[in-house]
Each structure stands twice: as C-alpha cells, then as structure tokens.
Amino acid sequence: MTVPGGLGALRVTDLARVVPARAVPPPPPGAVYRPDGGTERALDLARRAGHPVARVRALAATLDALDPRTRRSVVDPLGRITTGPSGGRARVRPLEVGGAPARQTDATTCGSAVLALLAAAGDPVLALWLATGLSPGEAAAAVPPPRADGAARFRALQQEVKQRTNRAALGPLPWPAALGTPPWGAARTARYADARYAERVVVGARSEQVVRSALVAAARGVPVPLFTGGDLALGIATAVPRHVVLLTDADAPARRCRVYEPSSGTVHDLDAAHLLVGARSPAVRRALGGWPHVCWALLPAGRQGWRAPTRGARMEVAATSVERAESSGEESR
C-alpha cells in the first residue's frame, strides 16, 4: 500500500509532534570513553563496565599475550582507532567479530547485533570473549587460529540480547519476535562501559537537535544506536522504525562520521551533515540499511555502576555484560 500526495512523506514518528518534547540528555564527558589502543584505557573501560579488580588484572595479562591483530579486535572492536578522514568521499569497510563478518543473524536481529557490538566496544572482557572465546586470565595459546567459532559466539550473544530487549516490552507482555527490537527495550538494555541510554524520537524541529547530540556523543567516544525507516510514500508498513544501525564515531573537524550497518557487516564513512538526508544521499541510505530516514536514537543518558555477576557458561557470562543494570550476583570465580 502506498499513499500519494502530501501524505506520502508522513512517518508514524511524526505523530510525536503532538507530544511535548523530552529534553535531550547532556553529552558524555570527553577524553574518557574513546579507545586509544593502549592497555590502560582498555582496563579503565573494563572497570567502568563493572568488572572486579581481580578480573581487570587478569585481563591485562591476557591482553599482553594476544597477537597484535587479535588484541586490536579486543581493545577496539569497532575499528575506530585506525579510521581516518576519507577526503570527503564516502567509503565502506568490512567489520569482523572473531574472524567472521559482523552481520546480524536474521532479519529481526539488526538491533541485537548493534547492541551486542555496542556492549563489546565498551567492555573489553566481553570483546575478548567474542574475539577469542577466552575469559581474562586464560592462555591465548589455547585458541587455534583463526579464532574459531567467532560467528557462533556473536550469534548466541545476539539471541541473548534479543530476549532481553523484548522481555516485558508491552507492559507485562513480550515484544513480538518477528518485529525485531523496540526502541524502548533497546534503551533499557543498551550499555557502553558505565554509560546508559535513553530513547528519543527524531522528528520535526527536534531532528537536528537529536542527531547533533548523537554526533557529539560519538565524537566523545560513546557510540549511538540509530533506528531507521521509511515513510508512507513507500507503504504504511515502512513508516515505522524498520532497521537499526550504530553511529560508531564522529570527527568534528573533518565533518565525517561512521556508521555500522549490521545486515552487510560493514562500516560506512559519511559526511556528517548528510546523516539526516538519507532520502537524498545514496551513500547515507546504504549506511542506514537502505532506508531513507533516521527516526529514533538512543542517546547516552548518564552513568550507572553495577557489579558484574559470573555464571557457569562463558557465553552466559559474556551475555550478562549487556544487562548489568538489571543483574546482580555473587562472584563465583
């Protein structure tokens, strides 16, 4: 079904115009969250993510034992350190997790893939597990090249994240699995080190303010999940959030930004000024998963401390990294 005439550009999120605007959260502090490739920054992120002192010390020893390529994938899962300005030309590069393409596992897990990588980027313990299957303190020599089963670990984490985002998303009822990830469930689950998130609709006069805040946060080292979609001109089913991507970082002086697109497992280098005009920019539209609009954003909204629980299976241990604010438990290791 398509809608002709002036209603064609209408999105369901445009209905938010009648709702009083919610304030945009203040930006995160600078020079704290951005990875620099060094061990100390990685350990600081692990502490901010809530890991106890003993585990952080063990992480330091394990990082020292990794080969350079694997170590980079742990301290910088999104490849932000090696990314530079592209001279004004959009470019695309693949992103890997544990030696496998960082792709969503099915048509409904774009949000899960984004939130899983967001958590890993802010938690080197989780990133270590995704890249190698190791826990801090274990010998790197135990992992045969090329870091086998990285795709399986990423797939398992996506499914765990999806369960958490969709649980009790409709009052006491779960969000339908076939509809992917609801923005409010994603905001409840999203974690980057000790940063927590709040969802904001991108609509009308608020659009530039929300997207500008997202770019500022990304420039300060805190990635921002973005929901994308269409409008009624493309059919009523497209006028709602249909896909999720991750604004990984931004370079204010160069006026560039980078977006991870999970269906292709790629990172797109874009002109930041064009982020809101996907309908008119083919490069931006590709980065938004083929959709023309950013319609919802998860913005950093303060920090929260928590204890890191430890459970039996490594996947379960790693998966809890995306739900620290909702979990507590006793250390068993």
C-alpha atoms as a PDB file:
ATOM      1  CA  MET A   1       0.000   0.000   0.000  1.00  0.00           C
ATOM      2  CA  THR A   2       1.325   3.415  -0.957  1.00  0.00           C
ATOM      3  CA  VAL A   3      -0.053   6.848  -0.130  1.00  0.00           C
ATOM      4  CA  PRO A   4       0.003   9.537  -2.844  1.00  0.00           C
ATOM      5  CA  GLY A   5       0.093  13.275  -2.442  1.00  0.00           C
ATOM      6  CA  GLY A   6       1.256  15.335   0.517  1.00  0.00           C
ATOM      7  CA  LEU A   7       0.804  12.467   2.965  1.00  0.00           C
ATOM      8  CA  GLY A   8       3.496  10.451   1.240  1.00  0.00           C
ATOM      9  CA  ALA A   9       6.321  11.848   3.342  1.00  0.00           C
ATOM     10  CA  LEU A  10       4.468  11.210   6.609  1.00  0.00           C
ATOM     11  CA  ARG A  11       6.068   8.872   9.129  1.00  0.00           C
ATOM     12  CA  VAL A  12       4.400   7.329  12.146  1.00  0.00           C
ATOM     13  CA  THR A  13       7.008   9.049  14.305  1.00  0.00           C
ATOM     14  CA  ASP A  14       5.654  12.378  13.016  1.00  0.00           C
ATOM     15  CA  LEU A  15       2.733  11.809  15.366  1.00  0.00           C
ATOM     16  CA  ALA A  16       5.218  12.583  18.152  1.00  0.00           C
ATOM     17  CA  ARG A  17       4.897  16.253  17.179  1.00  0.00           C
ATOM     18  CA  VAL A  18       1.773  16.438  19.325  1.00  0.00           C
ATOM     19  CA  VAL A  19       3.663  15.131  22.357  1.00  0.00           C
ATOM     20  CA  PRO A  20       5.719  17.574  24.468  1.00  0.00           C
ATOM     21  CA  ALA A  21       9.399  17.220  23.567  1.00  0.00           C
ATOM     22  CA  ARG A  22      11.612  15.441  26.048  1.00  0.00           C
ATOM     23  CA  ALA A  23      14.902  17.095  26.839  1.00  0.00           C
ATOM     24  CA  VAL A  24      17.994  15.797  25.089  1.00  0.00           C
ATOM     25  CA  PRO A  25      20.410  14.362  27.697  1.00  0.00           C
ATOM     26  CA  PRO A  26      23.687  16.239  28.248  1.00  0.00           C
ATOM     27  CA  PRO A  27      26.664  14.840  26.345  1.00  0.00           C
ATOM     28  CA  PRO A  28      29.056  12.362  27.960  1.00  0.00           C
ATOM     29  CA  PRO A  29      32.412  13.614  29.235  1.00  0.00           C
ATOM     30  CA  GLY A  30      35.223  13.847  26.716  1.00  0.00           C
ATOM     31  CA  ALA A  31      38.568  12.008  26.740  1.00  0.00           C
ATOM     32  CA  VAL A  32      37.179   9.138  28.835  1.00  0.00           C
ATOM     33  CA  TYR A  33      35.471   6.609  26.589  1.00  0.00           C
ATOM     34  CA  ARG A  34      37.285   6.681  23.246  1.00  0.00           C
ATOM     35  CA  PRO A  35      39.708   3.756  22.775  1.00  0.00           C
ATOM     36  CA  ASP A  36      43.333   4.683  22.165  1.00  0.00           C
ATOM     37  CA  GLY A  37      44.807   1.228  21.616  1.00  0.00           C
ATOM     38  CA  GLY A  38      46.532   1.223  24.989  1.00  0.00           C
ATOM     39  CA  THR A  39      46.116  -1.288  27.768  1.00  0.00           C
ATOM     40  CA  GLU A  40      45.314   1.331  30.413  1.00  0.00           C
ATOM     41  CA  ARG A  41      42.314   2.688  28.509  1.00  0.00           C
ATOM     42  CA  ALA A  42      41.034  -0.838  27.942  1.00  0.00           C
ATOM     43  CA  LEU A  43      41.391  -1.626  31.649  1.00  0.00           C
ATOM     44  CA  ASP A  44      39.622   1.609  32.568  1.00  0.00           C
ATOM     45  CA  LEU A  45      36.699   0.647  30.328  1.00  0.00           C
ATOM     46  CA  ALA A  46      36.588  -2.781  31.977  1.00  0.00           C
ATOM     47  CA  ARG A  47      36.452  -1.129  35.409  1.00  0.00           C
ATOM     48  CA  ARG A  48      33.707   1.207  34.221  1.00  0.00           C
ATOM     49  CA  ALA A  49      31.843  -1.813  32.893  1.00  0.00           C
ATOM     50  CA  GLY A  50      31.750  -3.110  36.460  1.00  0.00           C
ATOM     51  CA  HIS A  51      34.331  -5.882  36.460  1.00  0.00           C
ATOM     52  CA  PRO A  52      36.076  -6.550  39.782  1.00  0.00           C
ATOM     53  CA  VAL A  53      39.742  -5.729  40.332  1.00  0.00           C
ATOM     54  CA  ALA A  54      40.928  -9.322  40.029  1.00  0.00           C
ATOM     55  CA  ARG A  55      39.302  -9.768  36.637  1.00  0.00           C
ATOM     56  CA  VAL A  56      40.688  -6.467  35.364  1.00  0.00           C
ATOM     57  CA  ARG A  57      44.210  -7.553  36.378  1.00  0.00           C
ATOM     58  CA  ALA A  58      43.725 -10.887  34.651  1.00  0.00           C
ATOM     59  CA  LEU A  59      42.528  -9.053  31.548  1.00  0.00           C
ATOM     60  CA  ALA A  60      45.795  -7.080  31.461  1.00  0.00           C
ATOM     61  CA  ALA A  61      47.821 -10.286  31.431  1.00  0.00           C
ATOM     62  CA  THR A  62      45.699 -11.835  28.703  1.00  0.00           C
ATOM     63  CA  LEU A  63      45.895  -8.704  26.513  1.00  0.00           C
ATOM     64  CA  ASP A  64      49.685  -8.806  26.745  1.00  0.00           C
ATOM     65  CA  ALA A  65      49.693 -12.395  25.468  1.00  0.00           C
ATOM     66  CA  LEU A  66      47.498 -11.811  22.397  1.00  0.00           C
ATOM     67  CA  ASP A  67      48.857 -11.401  18.885  1.00  0.00           C
ATOM     68  CA  PRO A  68      48.586  -7.793  17.575  1.00  0.00           C
ATOM     69  CA  ARG A  69      45.596  -8.395  15.305  1.00  0.00           C
ATOM     70  CA  THR A  70      43.552 -10.168  17.964  1.00  0.00           C
ATOM     71  CA  ARG A  71      44.497  -7.569  20.557  1.00  0.00           C
ATOM     72  CA  ARG A  72      43.216  -4.781  18.282  1.00  0.00           C
ATOM     73  CA  SER A  73      39.906  -6.596  17.883  1.00  0.00           C
ATOM     74  CA  VAL A  74      39.573  -6.674  21.685  1.00  0.00           C
ATOM     75  CA  VAL A  75      40.590  -3.115  22.580  1.00  0.00           C
ATOM     76  CA  ASP A  76      38.869  -1.611  19.517  1.00  0.00           C
ATOM     77  CA  PRO A  77      36.073  -3.914  18.240  1.00  0.00           C
ATOM     78  CA  LEU A  78      34.581  -1.185  16.025  1.00  0.00           C
ATOM     79  CA  GLY A  79      37.884  -0.266  14.364  1.00  0.00           C
ATOM     80  CA  ARG A  80      37.694   3.345  15.467  1.00  0.00           C
ATOM     81  CA  ILE A  81      41.417   3.879  16.074  1.00  0.00           C
ATOM     82  CA  THR A  82      42.561   3.120  12.546  1.00  0.00           C
ATOM     83  CA  THR A  83      39.736   5.039  10.883  1.00  0.00           C
ATOM     84  CA  GLY A  84      40.699   8.392   9.418  1.00  0.00           C
ATOM     85  CA  PRO A  85      39.076  11.085   7.267  1.00  0.00           C
ATOM     86  CA  SER A  86      38.241   9.886   3.755  1.00  0.00           C
ATOM     87  CA  GLY A  87      38.838  13.161   1.980  1.00  0.00           C
ATOM     88  CA  GLY A  88      35.156  13.877   1.527  1.00  0.00           C
ATOM     89  CA  ARG A  89      34.438  10.603  -0.318  1.00  0.00           C
ATOM     90  CA  ALA A  90      32.214   8.003   1.290  1.00  0.00           C
ATOM     91  CA  ARG A  91      33.901   4.626   1.732  1.00  0.00           C
ATOM     92  CA  VAL A  92      32.898   1.273   3.143  1.00  0.00           C
ATOM     93  CA  ARG A  93      34.946  -1.292   5.027  1.00  0.00           C
ATOM     94  CA  PRO A  94      34.032  -4.719   6.416  1.00  0.00           C
ATOM     95  CA  LEU A  95      33.830  -5.316  10.165  1.00  0.00           C
ATOM     96  CA  GLU A  96      34.634  -8.675  11.735  1.00  0.00           C
ATOM     97  CA  VAL A  97      33.903 -10.371  15.043  1.00  0.00           C
ATOM     98  CA  GLY A  98      36.167 -13.279  15.930  1.00  0.00           C
ATOM     99  CA  GLY A  99      37.362 -13.596  12.342  1.00  0.00           C
ATOM    100  CA  ALA A 100      33.829 -13.682  10.900  1.00  0.00           C
ATOM    101  CA  PRO A 101      31.744 -10.904   9.281  1.00  0.00           C
ATOM    102  CA  ALA A 102      29.893  -8.871  11.916  1.00  0.00           C
ATOM    103  CA  ARG A 103      26.455  -9.495  10.450  1.00  0.00           C
ATOM    104  CA  GLN A 104      23.057  -9.825  12.053  1.00  0.00           C
ATOM    105  CA  THR A 105      21.926 -13.437  12.209  1.00  0.00           C
ATOM    106  CA  ASP A 106      18.463 -12.954  10.675  1.00  0.00           C
ATOM    107  CA  ALA A 107      16.041 -10.278   9.532  1.00  0.00           C
ATOM    108  CA  THR A 108      14.938  -9.494  13.096  1.00  0.00           C
ATOM    109  CA  THR A 109      18.297  -9.130  14.880  1.00  0.00           C
ATOM    110  CA  CYS A 110      19.698  -5.883  13.474  1.00  0.00           C
ATOM    111  CA  GLY A 111      19.079  -4.211  16.829  1.00  0.00           C
ATOM    112  CA  SER A 112      20.533  -7.187  18.675  1.00  0.00           C
ATOM    113  CA  ALA A 113      23.725  -7.096  16.593  1.00  0.00           C
ATOM    114  CA  VAL A 114      24.083  -3.352  17.172  1.00  0.00           C
ATOM    115  CA  LEU A 115      23.570  -3.624  20.933  1.00  0.00           C
ATOM    116  CA  ALA A 116      25.936  -6.593  21.182  1.00  0.00           C
ATOM    117  CA  LEU A 117      28.747  -4.685  19.464  1.00  0.00           C
ATOM    118  CA  LEU A 118      27.945  -1.549  21.456  1.00  0.00           C
ATOM    119  CA  ALA A 119      28.379  -3.529  24.678  1.00  0.00           C
ATOM    120  CA  ALA A 120      31.592  -5.176  23.437  1.00  0.00           C
ATOM    121  CA  ALA A 121      33.073  -1.823  22.406  1.00  0.00           C
ATOM    122  CA  GLY A 122      32.659  -0.594  25.979  1.00  0.00           C
ATOM    123  CA  ASP A 123      33.611  -3.843  27.720  1.00  0.00           C
ATOM    124  CA  PRO A 124      36.947  -5.460  26.762  1.00  0.00           C
ATOM    125  CA  VAL A 125      36.047  -8.570  28.764  1.00  0.00           C
ATOM    126  CA  LEU A 126      33.055  -9.154  26.501  1.00  0.00           C
ATOM    127  CA  ALA A 127      35.123  -8.182  23.431  1.00  0.00           C
ATOM    128  CA  LEU A 128      37.789 -10.710  24.455  1.00  0.00           C
ATOM    129  CA  TRP A 129      35.201 -13.467  24.654  1.00  0.00           C
ATOM    130  CA  LEU A 130      33.683 -12.544  21.276  1.00  0.00           C
ATOM    131  CA  ALA A 131      37.069 -12.395  19.564  1.00  0.00           C
ATOM    132  CA  THR A 132      38.677 -15.469  21.111  1.00  0.00           C
ATOM    133  CA  GLY A 133      36.324 -17.375  23.384  1.00  0.00           C
ATOM    134  CA  LEU A 134      38.700 -16.625  26.263  1.00  0.00           C
ATOM    135  CA  SER A 135      38.000 -15.249  29.711  1.00  0.00           C
ATOM    136  CA  PRO A 136      40.550 -12.967  31.421  1.00  0.00           C
ATOM    137  CA  GLY A 137      43.470 -14.977  32.763  1.00  0.00           C
ATOM    138  CA  GLU A 138      43.180 -17.822  30.283  1.00  0.00           C
ATOM    139  CA  ALA A 139      46.086 -18.561  27.968  1.00  0.00           C
ATOM    140  CA  ALA A 140      45.834 -17.104  24.489  1.00  0.00           C
ATOM    141  CA  ALA A 141      47.666 -20.161  23.150  1.00  0.00           C
ATOM    142  CA  ALA A 142      44.514 -22.199  23.853  1.00  0.00           C
ATOM    143  CA  VAL A 143      42.761 -20.583  20.872  1.00  0.00           C
ATOM    144  CA  PRO A 144      43.725 -22.042  17.482  1.00  0.00           C
ATOM    145  CA  PRO A 145      43.774 -19.630  14.532  1.00  0.00           C
ATOM    146  CA  PRO A 146      41.653 -18.150  13.084  1.00  0.00           C
ATOM    147  CA  ARG A 147      39.771 -17.688  16.354  1.00  0.00           C
ATOM    148  CA  ALA A 148      37.277 -20.452  15.646  1.00  0.00           C
ATOM    149  CA  ASP A 149      33.561 -20.088  16.361  1.00  0.00           C
ATOM    150  CA  GLY A 150      33.518 -16.266  16.448  1.00  0.00           C
ATOM    151  CA  ALA A 151      30.368 -16.285  14.314  1.00  0.00           C
ATOM    152  CA  ALA A 152      28.693 -18.740  16.690  1.00  0.00           C
ATOM    153  CA  ARG A 153      29.540 -16.589  19.711  1.00  0.00           C
ATOM    154  CA  PHE A 154      28.218 -13.450  18.019  1.00  0.00           C
ATOM    155  CA  ARG A 155      25.056 -15.313  17.020  1.00  0.00           C
ATOM    156  CA  ALA A 156      24.498 -16.585  20.568  1.00  0.00           C
ATOM    157  CA  LEU A 157      25.001 -13.109  22.013  1.00  0.00           C
ATOM    158  CA  GLN A 158      22.530 -11.612  19.535  1.00  0.00           C
ATOM    159  CA  GLN A 159      19.882 -14.075  20.621  1.00  0.00           C
ATOM    160  CA  GLU A 160      20.555 -13.322  24.284  1.00  0.00           C
ATOM    161  CA  VAL A 161      20.305  -9.583  23.638  1.00  0.00           C
ATOM    162  CA  LYS A 162      17.051 -10.022  21.726  1.00  0.00           C
ATOM    163  CA  GLN A 163      15.491 -11.864  24.639  1.00  0.00           C
ATOM    164  CA  ARG A 164      16.444  -9.026  26.990  1.00  0.00           C
ATOM    165  CA  THR A 165      15.252  -6.164  24.766  1.00  0.00           C
ATOM    166  CA  ASN A 166      11.911  -7.798  24.011  1.00  0.00           C
ATOM    167  CA  ARG A 167      11.109  -9.011  27.513  1.00  0.00           C
ATOM    168  CA  ALA A 168       8.140  -7.112  29.062  1.00  0.00           C
ATOM    169  CA  ALA A 169       8.286  -4.511  26.253  1.00  0.00           C
ATOM    170  CA  LEU A 170       4.481  -4.287  26.056  1.00  0.00           C
ATOM    171  CA  GLY A 171       3.706  -3.878  29.734  1.00  0.00           C
ATOM    172  CA  PRO A 172       3.920  -7.405  31.130  1.00  0.00           C
ATOM    173  CA  LEU A 173       3.960  -8.911  27.628  1.00  0.00           C
ATOM    174  CA  PRO A 174       6.976  -9.526  25.394  1.00  0.00           C
ATOM    175  CA  TRP A 175       7.522  -7.668  22.152  1.00  0.00           C
ATOM    176  CA  PRO A 176       6.713  -9.933  19.147  1.00  0.00           C
ATOM    177  CA  ALA A 177       9.964 -11.532  17.992  1.00  0.00           C
ATOM    178  CA  ALA A 178       9.070 -11.055  14.325  1.00  0.00           C
ATOM    179  CA  LEU A 179       9.060  -7.260  14.813  1.00  0.00           C
ATOM    180  CA  GLY A 180      12.695  -7.055  15.867  1.00  0.00           C
ATOM    181  CA  THR A 181      13.704  -4.664  18.650  1.00  0.00           C
ATOM    182  CA  PRO A 182      11.518  -1.911  20.168  1.00  0.00           C
ATOM    183  CA  PRO A 183      13.374   1.374  20.811  1.00  0.00           C
ATOM    184  CA  TRP A 184      12.368   1.485  24.491  1.00  0.00           C
ATOM    185  CA  GLY A 185      13.514  -2.101  25.042  1.00  0.00           C
ATOM    186  CA  ALA A 186      16.783  -1.277  23.307  1.00  0.00           C
ATOM    187  CA  ALA A 187      17.285   1.791  25.517  1.00  0.00           C
ATOM    188  CA  ARG A 188      16.679  -0.300  28.630  1.00  0.00           C
ATOM    189  CA  THR A 189      19.309  -2.835  27.531  1.00  0.00           C
ATOM    190  CA  ALA A 190      21.918  -0.630  25.809  1.00  0.00           C
ATOM    191  CA  ARG A 191      25.271  -0.420  27.600  1.00  0.00           C
ATOM    192  CA  TYR A 192      28.635   1.150  26.803  1.00  0.00           C
ATOM    193  CA  ALA A 193      31.022   0.816  29.754  1.00  0.00           C
ATOM    194  CA  ASP A 194      29.115   2.665  32.511  1.00  0.00           C
ATOM    195  CA  ALA A 195      27.051   4.787  30.088  1.00  0.00           C
ATOM    196  CA  ARG A 196      23.321   4.158  29.940  1.00  0.00           C
ATOM    197  CA  TYR A 197      20.878   5.270  27.251  1.00  0.00           C
ATOM    198  CA  ALA A 198      17.516   6.967  26.713  1.00  0.00           C
ATOM    199  CA  GLU A 199      15.454   6.785  23.528  1.00  0.00           C
ATOM    200  CA  ARG A 200      14.470   9.938  21.670  1.00  0.00           C
ATOM    201  CA  VAL A 201      12.279  10.276  18.587  1.00  0.00           C
ATOM    202  CA  VAL A 202      13.856  12.066  15.621  1.00  0.00           C
ATOM    203  CA  VAL A 203      11.054  14.234  14.284  1.00  0.00           C
ATOM    204  CA  GLY A 204      10.368  17.773  13.106  1.00  0.00           C
ATOM    205  CA  ALA A 205      12.275  20.591  14.744  1.00  0.00           C
ATOM    206  CA  ARG A 206      13.785  18.088  17.189  1.00  0.00           C
ATOM    207  CA  SER A 207      15.512  16.139  14.426  1.00  0.00           C
ATOM    208  CA  GLU A 208      18.640  18.250  14.152  1.00  0.00           C
ATOM    209  CA  GLN A 209      18.975  18.547  17.922  1.00  0.00           C
ATOM    210  CA  VAL A 210      18.784  14.793  18.474  1.00  0.00           C
ATOM    211  CA  VAL A 211      21.139  13.948  15.614  1.00  0.00           C
ATOM    212  CA  ARG A 212      23.564  16.673  16.671  1.00  0.00           C
ATOM    213  CA  SER A 213      23.598  15.208  20.184  1.00  0.00           C
ATOM    214  CA  ALA A 214      24.258  11.773  18.714  1.00  0.00           C
ATOM    215  CA  LEU A 215      27.217  13.114  16.739  1.00  0.00           C
ATOM    216  CA  VAL A 216      28.640  14.872  19.821  1.00  0.00           C
ATOM    217  CA  ALA A 217      28.373  11.679  21.862  1.00  0.00           C
ATOM    218  CA  ALA A 218      30.033   9.642  19.130  1.00  0.00           C
ATOM    219  CA  ALA A 219      32.830  12.211  18.827  1.00  0.00           C
ATOM    220  CA  ARG A 220      33.430  11.829  22.561  1.00  0.00           C
ATOM    221  CA  GLY A 221      33.767   8.076  22.219  1.00  0.00           C
ATOM    222  CA  VAL A 222      30.249   6.827  23.051  1.00  0.00           C
ATOM    223  CA  PRO A 223      28.543   5.124  20.058  1.00  0.00           C
ATOM    224  CA  VAL A 224      24.845   5.776  19.423  1.00  0.00           C
ATOM    225  CA  PRO A 225      22.279   3.261  18.071  1.00  0.00           C
ATOM    226  CA  LEU A 226      20.013   4.761  15.397  1.00  0.00           C
ATOM    227  CA  PHE A 227      16.678   3.355  14.240  1.00  0.00           C
ATOM    228  CA  THR A 228      15.909   3.923  10.564  1.00  0.00           C
ATOM    229  CA  GLY A 229      12.811   3.593   8.430  1.00  0.00           C
ATOM    230  CA  GLY A 230      10.727   4.939   5.570  1.00  0.00           C
ATOM    231  CA  ASP A 231       7.537   6.931   5.176  1.00  0.00           C
ATOM    232  CA  LEU A 232       4.021   6.447   3.843  1.00  0.00           C
ATOM    233  CA  ALA A 233       5.208   7.047   0.298  1.00  0.00           C
ATOM    234  CA  LEU A 234       6.891   3.661   0.497  1.00  0.00           C
ATOM    235  CA  GLY A 235       3.900   1.957   2.107  1.00  0.00           C
ATOM    236  CA  ILE A 236       2.322   2.071   5.537  1.00  0.00           C
ATOM    237  CA  ALA A 237       4.463  -0.828   6.786  1.00  0.00           C
ATOM    238  CA  THR A 238       7.643   1.203   6.221  1.00  0.00           C
ATOM    239  CA  ALA A 239       6.563   4.307   8.137  1.00  0.00           C
ATOM    240  CA  VAL A 240       7.801   2.865  11.427  1.00  0.00           C
ATOM    241  CA  PRO A 241      11.338   2.033  12.621  1.00  0.00           C
ATOM    242  CA  ARG A 242      12.480  -0.870  10.425  1.00  0.00           C
ATOM    243  CA  HIS A 243      16.221  -1.202  10.940  1.00  0.00           C
ATOM    244  CA  VAL A 244      18.931  -0.368  13.480  1.00  0.00           C
ATOM    245  CA  VAL A 245      22.471   0.850  12.775  1.00  0.00           C
ATOM    246  CA  LEU A 246      25.247   2.129  15.035  1.00  0.00           C
ATOM    247  CA  LEU A 247      26.823   5.569  14.820  1.00  0.00           C
ATOM    248  CA  THR A 248      30.273   4.369  15.865  1.00  0.00           C
ATOM    249  CA  ASP A 249      32.227   7.631  15.919  1.00  0.00           C
ATOM    250  CA  ALA A 250      32.444  11.134  14.513  1.00  0.00           C
ATOM    251  CA  ASP A 251      35.230  13.508  13.559  1.00  0.00           C
ATOM    252  CA  ALA A 252      34.031  17.070  14.121  1.00  0.00           C
ATOM    253  CA  PRO A 253      36.972  18.875  12.413  1.00  0.00           C
ATOM    254  CA  ALA A 254      36.653  16.668   9.323  1.00  0.00           C
ATOM    255  CA  ARG A 255      32.842  16.735   9.474  1.00  0.00           C
ATOM    256  CA  ARG A 256      32.773  12.977   8.988  1.00  0.00           C
ATOM    257  CA  CYS A 257      31.013  10.171  10.831  1.00  0.00           C
ATOM    258  CA  ARG A 258      30.986   6.398  10.623  1.00  0.00           C
ATOM    259  CA  VAL A 259      28.021   4.044  10.778  1.00  0.00           C
ATOM    260  CA  TYR A 260      27.999   0.276  11.300  1.00  0.00           C
ATOM    261  CA  GLU A 261      25.307  -1.400   9.188  1.00  0.00           C
ATOM    262  CA  PRO A 262      24.611  -4.927  10.527  1.00  0.00           C
ATOM    263  CA  SER A 263      22.866  -6.558   7.535  1.00  0.00           C
ATOM    264  CA  SER A 264      26.058  -6.224   5.481  1.00  0.00           C
ATOM    265  CA  GLY A 265      28.532  -6.218   8.384  1.00  0.00           C
ATOM    266  CA  THR A 266      30.139  -3.022   7.105  1.00  0.00           C
ATOM    267  CA  VAL A 267      31.146   0.401   8.422  1.00  0.00           C
ATOM    268  CA  HIS A 268      30.353   3.426   6.252  1.00  0.00           C
ATOM    269  CA  ASP A 269      32.341   6.681   6.300  1.00  0.00           C
ATOM    270  CA  LEU A 270      29.943   9.562   5.646  1.00  0.00           C
ATOM    271  CA  ASP A 271      29.607  13.315   5.508  1.00  0.00           C
ATOM    272  CA  ALA A 272      28.072  14.013   8.926  1.00  0.00           C
ATOM    273  CA  ALA A 273      25.939  16.837   7.529  1.00  0.00           C
ATOM    274  CA  HIS A 274      24.093  14.317   5.351  1.00  0.00           C
ATOM    275  CA  LEU A 275      23.064  11.946   8.127  1.00  0.00           C
ATOM    276  CA  LEU A 276      19.548  13.359   8.202  1.00  0.00           C
ATOM    277  CA  VAL A 277      19.030  13.303   4.437  1.00  0.00           C
ATOM    278  CA  GLY A 278      19.280   9.648   3.542  1.00  0.00           C
ATOM    279  CA  ALA A 279      16.438  10.097   1.066  1.00  0.00           C
ATOM    280  CA  ARG A 280      18.685  12.417  -0.978  1.00  0.00           C
ATOM    281  CA  SER A 281      22.067  10.761  -0.365  1.00  0.00           C
ATOM    282  CA  PRO A 282      22.605   7.252  -1.764  1.00  0.00           C
ATOM    283  CA  ALA A 283      25.691   6.772   0.435  1.00  0.00           C
ATOM    284  CA  VAL A 284      23.759   7.614   3.601  1.00  0.00           C
ATOM    285  CA  ARG A 285      20.834   5.479   2.526  1.00  0.00           C
ATOM    286  CA  ARG A 286      23.125   2.470   2.110  1.00  0.00           C
ATOM    287  CA  ALA A 287      24.575   3.137   5.561  1.00  0.00           C
ATOM    288  CA  LEU A 288      21.051   3.247   7.001  1.00  0.00           C
ATOM    289  CA  GLY A 289      20.341  -0.234   5.650  1.00  0.00           C
ATOM    290  CA  GLY A 290      18.525   1.009   2.549  1.00  0.00           C
ATOM    291  CA  TRP A 291      16.109   3.232   4.462  1.00  0.00           C
ATOM    292  CA  PRO A 292      15.833   6.991   3.894  1.00  0.00           C
ATOM    293  CA  HIS A 293      15.358   8.327   7.424  1.00  0.00           C
ATOM    294  CA  VAL A 294      16.789   8.239  10.932  1.00  0.00           C
ATOM    295  CA  CYS A 295      13.632   8.114  13.030  1.00  0.00           C
ATOM    296  CA  TRP A 296      14.765   7.186  16.559  1.00  0.00           C
ATOM    297  CA  ALA A 297      18.024   7.449  18.505  1.00  0.00           C
ATOM    298  CA  LEU A 298      19.384   6.036  21.751  1.00  0.00           C
ATOM    299  CA  LEU A 299      21.361   8.842  23.395  1.00  0.00           C
ATOM    300  CA  PRO A 300      23.768   8.439  26.340  1.00  0.00           C
ATOM    301  CA  ALA A 301      21.893   9.495  29.455  1.00  0.00           C
ATOM    302  CA  GLY A 302      24.196   9.360  32.443  1.00  0.00           C
ATOM    303  CA  ARG A 303      26.190   6.618  34.089  1.00  0.00           C
ATOM    304  CA  GLN A 304      25.329   3.754  36.360  1.00  0.00           C
ATOM    305  CA  GLY A 305      27.569   1.453  38.369  1.00  0.00           C
ATOM    306  CA  TRP A 306      26.893  -2.196  38.879  1.00  0.00           C
ATOM    307  CA  ARG A 307      28.538  -5.442  39.958  1.00  0.00           C
ATOM    308  CA  ALA A 308      29.421  -7.992  37.322  1.00  0.00           C
ATOM    309  CA  PRO A 309      27.899 -11.410  38.020  1.00  0.00           C
ATOM    310  CA  THR A 310      29.743 -14.554  36.999  1.00  0.00           C
ATOM    311  CA  ARG A 311      27.940 -17.690  35.928  1.00  0.00           C
ATOM    312  CA  GLY A 312      28.909 -21.094  34.619  1.00  0.00           C
ATOM    313  CA  ALA A 313      28.999 -20.946  30.809  1.00  0.00           C
ATOM    314  CA  ARG A 314      31.251 -18.365  29.168  1.00  0.00           C
ATOM    315  CA  MET A 315      28.548 -17.267  26.748  1.00  0.00           C
ATOM    316  CA  GLU A 316      26.211 -16.621  29.656  1.00  0.00           C
ATOM    317  CA  VAL A 317      28.922 -14.670  31.460  1.00  0.00           C
ATOM    318  CA  ALA A 318      29.542 -12.542  28.390  1.00  0.00           C
ATOM    319  CA  ALA A 319      25.867 -12.032  27.667  1.00  0.00           C
ATOM    320  CA  THR A 320      25.263 -10.504  31.067  1.00  0.00           C
ATOM    321  CA  SER A 321      27.544  -7.645  30.017  1.00  0.00           C
ATOM    322  CA  VAL A 322      24.586  -6.129  28.175  1.00  0.00           C
ATOM    323  CA  GLU A 323      22.325  -6.249  31.218  1.00  0.00           C
ATOM    324  CA  ARG A 324      24.485  -5.044  34.109  1.00  0.00           C
ATOM    325  CA  ALA A 325      21.936  -2.579  35.423  1.00  0.00           C
ATOM    326  CA  GLU A 326      19.314  -5.313  35.650  1.00  0.00           C
ATOM    327  CA  SER A 327      21.541  -8.030  37.108  1.00  0.00           C
ATOM    328  CA  SER A 328      23.376  -8.641  40.358  1.00  0.00           C
ATOM    329  CA  GLY A 329      25.017 -11.694  41.791  1.00  0.00           C
ATOM    330  CA  GLU A 330      27.887 -13.102  43.752  1.00  0.00           C
ATOM    331  CA  GLU A 331      31.317 -13.671  42.261  1.00  0.00           C
ATOM    332  CA  SER A 332      31.952 -17.367  41.861  1.00  0.00           C
ATOM    333  CA  ARG A 333      35.252 -17.281  40.038  1.00  0.00           C
END
